[in-house]
Amino acid sequence: MDTLGLVLVIIGALNWGLIALFQFDLVATIFGGQDAFLSRIVYGLVGLAGLYCIKFLMERDKNKPVIKE
């Protein structure tokens, strides 16, 4: 599940990069426009993956050793 979440976040990041640099929405181009059902599914999955990946930030802090003086 972690790998799938990261793959979707990477897809979303690359898509946003293309939009910012070239005004080109790859997801919309592949799936028939921003309002197309499949595009909205992909956008939704990318958003959910972003929320899921927040857990990586929380786990990162748990793995740090606690130093007591």
Protein backbone atom coordinates (compact mmCIF):
# COMPACT_ATOMS: atom_id res chain seq x y z
CA MET A 1 0.00 0.00 0.00
CA ASP A 2 2.90 2.35 0.79
CA THR A 3 4.40 1.85 -2.67
CA LEU A 4 1.07 2.50 -4.40
CA GLY A 5 0.58 5.66 -2.36
CA LEU A 6 4.02 6.94 -3.26
CA VAL A 7 3.56 6.11 -6.96
CA LEU A 8 0.30 8.07 -7.04
CA VAL A 9 1.88 11.03 -5.24
CA ILE A 10 4.76 11.00 -7.74
CA ILE A 11 2.29 10.92 -10.64
CA GLY A 12 0.47 13.89 -9.14
CA ALA A 13 3.71 15.80 -8.57
CA LEU A 14 4.88 15.21 -12.14
CA ASN A 15 1.50 16.27 -13.47
CA TRP A 16 1.58 19.49 -11.43
CA GLY A 17 5.12 20.13 -12.65
CA LEU A 18 3.98 19.78 -16.25
CA ILE A 19 1.08 22.14 -15.59
CA ALA A 20 3.38 24.73 -14.01
CA LEU A 21 6.12 24.57 -16.62
CA PHE A 22 4.23 23.89 -19.84
CA GLN A 23 0.53 24.42 -19.06
CA PHE A 24 0.03 20.77 -20.03
CA ASP A 25 -2.20 18.47 -17.97
CA LEU A 26 -1.05 14.94 -18.80
CA VAL A 27 -3.84 13.25 -16.82
CA ALA A 28 -6.51 15.27 -18.61
CA THR A 29 -4.89 14.57 -21.98
CA ILE A 30 -4.78 10.82 -21.39
CA PHE A 31 -8.25 10.47 -19.92
CA GLY A 32 -10.29 12.94 -21.97
CA GLY A 33 -10.20 16.31 -20.23
CA GLN A 34 -10.33 17.58 -16.66
CA ASP A 35 -14.06 16.93 -16.35
CA ALA A 36 -13.89 13.36 -17.67
CA PHE A 37 -14.89 10.66 -15.21
CA LEU A 38 -11.54 8.82 -15.40
CA SER A 39 -9.57 12.03 -14.90
CA ARG A 40 -11.58 12.82 -11.79
CA ILE A 41 -10.93 9.30 -10.49
CA VAL A 42 -7.17 9.76 -10.99
CA TYR A 43 -7.23 13.20 -9.35
CA GLY A 44 -9.16 11.76 -6.42
CA LEU A 45 -6.77 8.83 -6.02
CA VAL A 46 -3.79 11.18 -6.09
CA GLY A 47 -5.42 13.31 -3.40
CA LEU A 48 -6.14 10.30 -1.21
CA ALA A 49 -2.59 9.07 -1.72
CA GLY A 50 -1.31 12.45 -0.57
CA LEU A 51 -3.33 12.16 2.62
CA TYR A 52 -2.12 8.59 3.12
CA CYS A 53 1.53 9.64 2.70
CA ILE A 54 1.25 12.06 5.62
CA LYS A 55 1.80 8.99 7.78
CA PHE A 56 5.38 8.80 6.51
CA LEU A 57 6.10 12.11 8.24
CA MET A 58 4.64 10.80 11.48
CA GLU A 59 6.58 7.51 11.28
CA ARG A 60 9.81 9.38 10.62
CA ASP A 61 9.57 11.08 14.00
CA LYS A 62 8.80 7.79 15.78
CA ASN A 63 12.02 6.16 14.55
CA LYS A 64 14.31 8.84 16.01
CA PRO A 65 16.10 7.78 19.19
CA VAL A 66 15.28 9.72 22.32
CA ILE A 67 18.36 11.16 23.99
CA LYS A 68 17.97 11.89 27.70
CA GLU A 69 20.56 13.89 29.55
